[in-house]
Amino acid sequence: MYPHKATEEQHREHRIRTFQPRRGRMTPAQAGALDRNWEKWGIAIDGTPLDLAQVFGGLPVTLEIGFGMGETTAAMAAADPGTGILAVDVHTPGHGNLLNLLELSGAQNVRPAAGDAIILLRDMLADASLAGLRVFFADPWPKPKHHKRRLVQHGFLDLVLPRLAPGALVHCATDWEPSAEQMAEVLAARPELVNLHPEGDGSGWLDGRQDGTVPGYAPRPDWRPVTKFERAGLAKGHVVHDLLFRKV
């Protein structure tokens, strides 16, 4: 059953969450896809340990946190059927839309998960069980008083890095420059991670550093589709930055 309400485990959580709770009205197509497919494909984040090898039939699994309406997730799944995608969000219409897109494309390698990614990482995933992590266009929390709510910070990495297998790819993208700077600094500070593009892409703040303490952004990978949030950011004149790190 789809978890329309927070689980008891989520109610007990008193720390800052990894998301801004969002609810919205679903279209008939989204509601129908949710009704038809959630029991088959969906995962409730309820603290129960998850056997990824069983769920994904032995495929290497990438965790995607915050998939929005699912267009990018569905496109990347269809282009790479040999990778399983565990796609986490809290937006009910987004779950319905992703399931509808998967139904239309026939992709079998995505499992949408509803709930808090922190509970998933802390309680449900085994160490070294993930082949990758994607965080695309997460809420940048632009106000200084809200910076502590940004997802990619050391407390989050303390949870996620043990769950990444050696060689796992960490891929972040954002159109908010201060958020990109903060993510780059946090990722670069972890000895478990190696930047795949230390020379930078020639486009931004990190490439001009003289002390060499923070590595550069990556050129935009051609395998990442342009998202709705990216298009909106580009329309506002924002510069989109990708960060690609490898777990050692």
Protein backbone atom coordinates (compact mmCIF):
# COMPACT_ATOMS: atom_id res chain seq x y z
CA MET A 1 0.00 0.00 0.00
CA TYR A 2 1.27 3.48 -0.86
CA PRO A 3 2.32 5.34 2.32
CA HIS A 4 0.10 8.41 2.02
CA LYS A 5 0.85 9.31 5.64
CA ALA A 6 4.18 9.41 7.45
CA THR A 7 5.17 6.15 9.06
CA GLU A 8 5.55 5.84 12.82
CA GLU A 9 9.30 5.78 12.30
CA GLN A 10 9.18 9.09 10.44
CA HIS A 11 7.06 10.66 13.18
CA ARG A 12 9.80 9.79 15.70
CA GLU A 13 12.40 11.67 13.67
CA HIS A 14 13.22 15.03 15.28
CA ARG A 15 16.28 15.99 13.25
CA ILE A 16 16.23 18.14 10.12
CA ARG A 17 14.92 16.16 7.20
CA THR A 18 16.47 15.81 3.77
CA PHE A 19 13.44 17.29 2.06
CA GLN A 20 10.76 19.95 2.07
CA PRO A 21 7.46 18.04 2.42
CA ARG A 22 5.39 18.55 -0.73
CA ARG A 23 1.86 17.50 -1.53
CA GLY A 24 -0.10 18.16 -4.66
CA ARG A 25 -3.10 17.14 -6.67
CA MET A 26 -2.54 14.22 -8.99
CA THR A 27 -3.75 13.96 -12.56
CA PRO A 28 -5.92 10.96 -13.48
CA ALA A 29 -2.94 9.42 -15.32
CA GLN A 30 -0.70 9.77 -12.27
CA ALA A 31 -3.32 8.40 -9.88
CA GLY A 32 -4.05 5.48 -12.18
CA ALA A 33 -0.37 4.59 -12.53
CA LEU A 34 0.07 4.75 -8.76
CA ASP A 35 -2.92 2.45 -8.22
CA ARG A 36 -1.78 -0.03 -10.87
CA ASN A 37 1.92 -0.17 -10.16
CA TRP A 38 2.81 0.78 -6.60
CA GLU A 39 2.28 -2.68 -5.14
CA LYS A 40 4.49 -4.15 -7.86
CA TRP A 41 7.28 -1.56 -7.99
CA GLY A 42 7.01 0.79 -5.02
CA ILE A 43 8.96 0.69 -1.76
CA ALA A 44 7.80 2.27 1.50
CA ILE A 45 10.64 3.72 3.55
CA ASP A 46 9.65 2.24 6.91
CA GLY A 47 12.95 1.10 8.41
CA THR A 48 12.71 -2.52 7.22
CA PRO A 49 16.07 -3.75 5.83
CA LEU A 50 16.06 -3.94 2.04
CA ASP A 51 17.84 -6.64 0.03
CA LEU A 52 18.82 -4.76 -3.11
CA ALA A 53 20.15 -7.85 -4.86
CA GLN A 54 16.75 -9.48 -4.50
CA VAL A 55 14.75 -6.37 -5.37
CA PHE A 56 16.77 -5.59 -8.51
CA GLY A 57 17.66 -9.10 -9.61
CA GLY A 58 21.38 -8.64 -9.08
CA LEU A 59 21.74 -5.38 -11.04
CA PRO A 60 24.15 -2.75 -9.70
CA VAL A 61 21.99 -0.14 -7.97
CA THR A 62 22.23 3.64 -8.01
CA LEU A 63 20.39 5.64 -5.36
CA GLU A 64 18.71 8.78 -6.68
CA ILE A 65 17.48 11.23 -4.05
CA GLY A 66 14.84 13.72 -5.13
CA PHE A 67 13.58 12.77 -8.61
CA GLY A 68 10.85 15.42 -8.91
CA MET A 69 8.36 14.34 -11.57
CA GLY A 70 10.61 11.51 -12.74
CA GLU A 71 11.34 12.51 -16.34
CA THR A 72 15.11 12.30 -15.92
CA THR A 73 14.90 9.08 -13.91
CA ALA A 74 12.74 7.38 -16.53
CA ALA A 75 14.96 8.54 -19.40
CA MET A 76 18.18 7.38 -17.72
CA ALA A 77 16.58 4.04 -16.80
CA ALA A 78 15.51 3.42 -20.40
CA ALA A 79 18.98 4.35 -21.69
CA ASP A 80 20.77 2.08 -19.18
CA PRO A 81 18.67 -1.03 -18.45
CA GLY A 82 21.68 -2.73 -16.85
CA THR A 83 21.58 -0.37 -13.86
CA GLY A 84 18.92 -0.47 -11.18
CA ILE A 85 17.68 2.87 -9.88
CA LEU A 86 16.33 3.23 -6.36
CA ALA A 87 14.53 6.58 -6.73
CA VAL A 88 13.54 8.36 -3.51
CA ASP A 89 11.11 11.26 -3.13
CA VAL A 90 8.24 12.41 -0.94
CA HIS A 91 6.05 13.97 -3.65
CA THR A 92 3.03 11.77 -4.33
CA PRO A 93 2.28 13.18 -7.81
CA GLY A 94 5.94 12.60 -8.66
CA HIS A 95 5.63 8.94 -7.74
CA GLY A 96 2.54 8.64 -9.86
CA ASN A 97 4.15 10.42 -12.79
CA LEU A 98 7.32 8.31 -12.63
CA LEU A 99 5.29 5.10 -12.55
CA ASN A 100 3.27 6.31 -15.53
CA LEU A 101 6.46 7.11 -17.49
CA LEU A 102 7.93 3.69 -16.64
CA GLU A 103 4.74 2.01 -17.74
CA LEU A 104 4.85 3.86 -21.07
CA SER A 105 8.55 3.13 -21.70
CA GLY A 106 8.49 -0.45 -20.47
CA ALA A 107 11.57 0.10 -18.27
CA GLN A 108 11.84 -2.53 -15.54
CA ASN A 109 14.88 -1.28 -13.62
CA VAL A 110 13.43 1.44 -11.36
CA ARG A 111 11.93 1.14 -7.89
CA PRO A 112 10.36 4.34 -6.56
CA ALA A 113 10.66 4.74 -2.79
CA ALA A 114 8.44 7.01 -0.69
CA GLY A 115 9.79 8.64 2.43
CA ASP A 116 12.88 10.05 4.08
CA ALA A 117 16.22 9.11 2.50
CA ILE A 118 17.94 9.33 5.88
CA ILE A 119 15.84 6.46 7.25
CA LEU A 120 16.55 4.48 4.07
CA LEU A 121 20.30 4.95 4.40
CA ARG A 122 20.50 4.51 8.14
CA ASP A 123 18.21 1.52 8.63
CA MET A 124 17.45 -0.21 5.33
CA LEU A 125 20.59 -0.44 3.17
CA ALA A 126 23.61 -2.65 3.78
CA ASP A 127 27.17 -1.37 3.61
CA ALA A 128 28.75 -1.40 0.13
CA SER A 129 25.36 -2.13 -1.46
CA LEU A 130 25.18 0.87 -3.81
CA ALA A 131 26.99 1.38 -7.11
CA GLY A 132 26.19 5.06 -7.26
CA LEU A 133 24.46 8.14 -5.83
CA ARG A 134 22.64 10.87 -7.77
CA VAL A 135 21.49 14.18 -6.35
CA PHE A 136 20.14 16.37 -9.12
CA PHE A 137 18.88 19.90 -8.41
CA ALA A 138 18.17 19.42 -4.74
CA ASP A 139 16.59 22.29 -2.84
CA PRO A 140 19.47 24.82 -2.49
CA TRP A 141 17.99 26.42 0.65
CA PRO A 142 19.38 29.84 -0.38
CA LYS A 143 18.75 31.72 2.89
CA PRO A 144 21.76 31.57 5.23
CA LYS A 145 19.62 30.45 8.17
CA HIS A 146 18.52 27.43 6.10
CA HIS A 147 21.96 26.33 4.84
CA LYS A 148 22.03 23.60 7.50
CA ARG A 149 19.11 21.96 5.68
CA ARG A 150 21.06 21.34 2.48
CA LEU A 151 21.32 17.66 1.71
CA VAL A 152 24.99 17.28 0.78
CA GLN A 153 26.84 17.94 4.01
CA HIS A 154 29.12 15.90 6.23
CA GLY A 155 26.40 14.30 8.35
CA PHE A 156 24.72 13.00 5.20
CA LEU A 157 28.01 11.71 3.79
CA ASP A 158 28.71 9.92 7.07
CA LEU A 159 25.60 7.86 6.31
CA VAL A 160 25.91 7.41 2.58
CA LEU A 161 29.61 6.72 2.09
CA PRO A 162 29.65 3.36 3.92
CA ARG A 163 26.70 2.26 1.73
CA LEU A 164 28.69 2.96 -1.45
CA ALA A 165 30.75 0.11 -2.88
CA PRO A 166 34.32 0.81 -4.03
CA GLY A 167 34.16 2.42 -7.44
CA ALA A 168 30.68 3.89 -6.88
CA LEU A 169 29.97 7.12 -8.75
CA VAL A 170 28.66 10.16 -6.87
CA HIS A 171 26.99 12.60 -9.27
CA CYS A 172 25.56 15.93 -8.12
CA ALA A 173 24.16 18.72 -10.25
CA THR A 174 22.78 22.15 -9.36
CA ASP A 175 22.09 25.53 -10.95
CA TRP A 176 22.61 27.43 -7.69
CA GLU A 177 26.22 28.63 -7.48
CA PRO A 178 26.55 28.85 -3.66
CA SER A 179 25.09 25.37 -3.34
CA ALA A 180 27.56 24.06 -5.94
CA GLU A 181 30.45 25.61 -4.03
CA GLN A 182 29.29 24.09 -0.76
CA MET A 183 28.81 20.62 -2.28
CA ALA A 184 32.24 20.75 -3.93
CA GLU A 185 33.94 21.68 -0.68
CA VAL A 186 32.16 18.97 1.30
CA LEU A 187 32.83 16.25 -1.27
CA ALA A 188 36.45 17.28 -1.77
CA ALA A 189 37.09 17.10 1.97
CA ARG A 190 36.32 13.37 2.11
CA PRO A 191 39.35 11.09 1.59
CA GLU A 192 36.97 8.30 0.50
CA LEU A 193 36.15 10.27 -2.66
CA VAL A 194 38.21 11.22 -5.69
CA ASN A 195 37.15 13.98 -8.06
CA LEU A 196 37.03 12.74 -11.65
CA HIS A 197 37.61 16.26 -13.01
CA PRO A 198 40.09 18.01 -10.73
CA GLU A 199 41.06 20.34 -13.56
CA GLY A 200 37.53 21.76 -13.72
CA ASP A 201 35.47 22.60 -16.77
CA GLY A 202 36.73 26.16 -17.18
CA SER A 203 33.38 27.71 -16.35
CA GLY A 204 33.31 28.75 -12.77
CA TRP A 205 34.51 29.75 -9.35
CA LEU A 206 36.36 26.56 -8.51
CA ASP A 207 38.60 26.67 -11.56
CA GLY A 208 40.05 30.02 -10.53
CA ARG A 209 41.25 28.92 -7.08
CA GLN A 210 44.97 29.44 -6.56
CA ASP A 211 45.49 27.34 -3.41
CA GLY A 212 44.38 24.06 -4.96
CA THR A 213 42.27 23.14 -1.94
CA VAL A 214 38.99 22.66 -3.84
CA PRO A 215 38.86 20.72 -7.14
CA GLY A 216 36.84 21.68 -10.17
CA TYR A 217 33.44 21.05 -11.67
CA ALA A 218 32.87 18.37 -14.30
CA PRO A 219 31.82 19.05 -17.88
CA ARG A 220 28.12 18.31 -18.25
CA PRO A 221 27.83 14.53 -18.88
CA ASP A 222 25.91 13.69 -22.02
CA TRP A 223 24.11 10.86 -20.21
CA ARG A 224 22.29 13.26 -17.86
CA PRO A 225 19.10 14.53 -19.53
CA VAL A 226 18.15 18.16 -19.11
CA THR A 227 15.70 18.36 -16.22
CA LYS A 228 12.73 20.66 -15.75
CA PHE A 229 14.58 22.39 -12.92
CA GLU A 230 17.65 22.80 -15.12
CA ARG A 231 15.62 24.40 -17.88
CA ALA A 232 14.06 26.78 -15.37
CA GLY A 233 17.47 27.70 -13.99
CA LEU A 234 18.95 28.27 -17.43
CA ALA A 235 16.00 30.50 -18.32
CA LYS A 236 16.93 32.65 -15.32
CA GLY A 237 20.54 32.89 -16.46
CA HIS A 238 21.90 30.41 -13.91
CA VAL A 239 24.99 28.31 -14.65
CA VAL A 240 24.53 24.58 -14.17
CA HIS A 241 27.38 22.69 -12.51
CA ASP A 242 27.98 18.94 -12.31
CA LEU A 243 30.21 17.25 -9.76
CA LEU A 244 31.50 13.71 -10.37
CA PHE A 245 33.35 11.84 -7.62
CA ARG A 246 34.39 8.19 -7.34
CA LYS A 247 34.40 6.15 -4.11
CA VAL A 248 37.83 4.62 -3.52
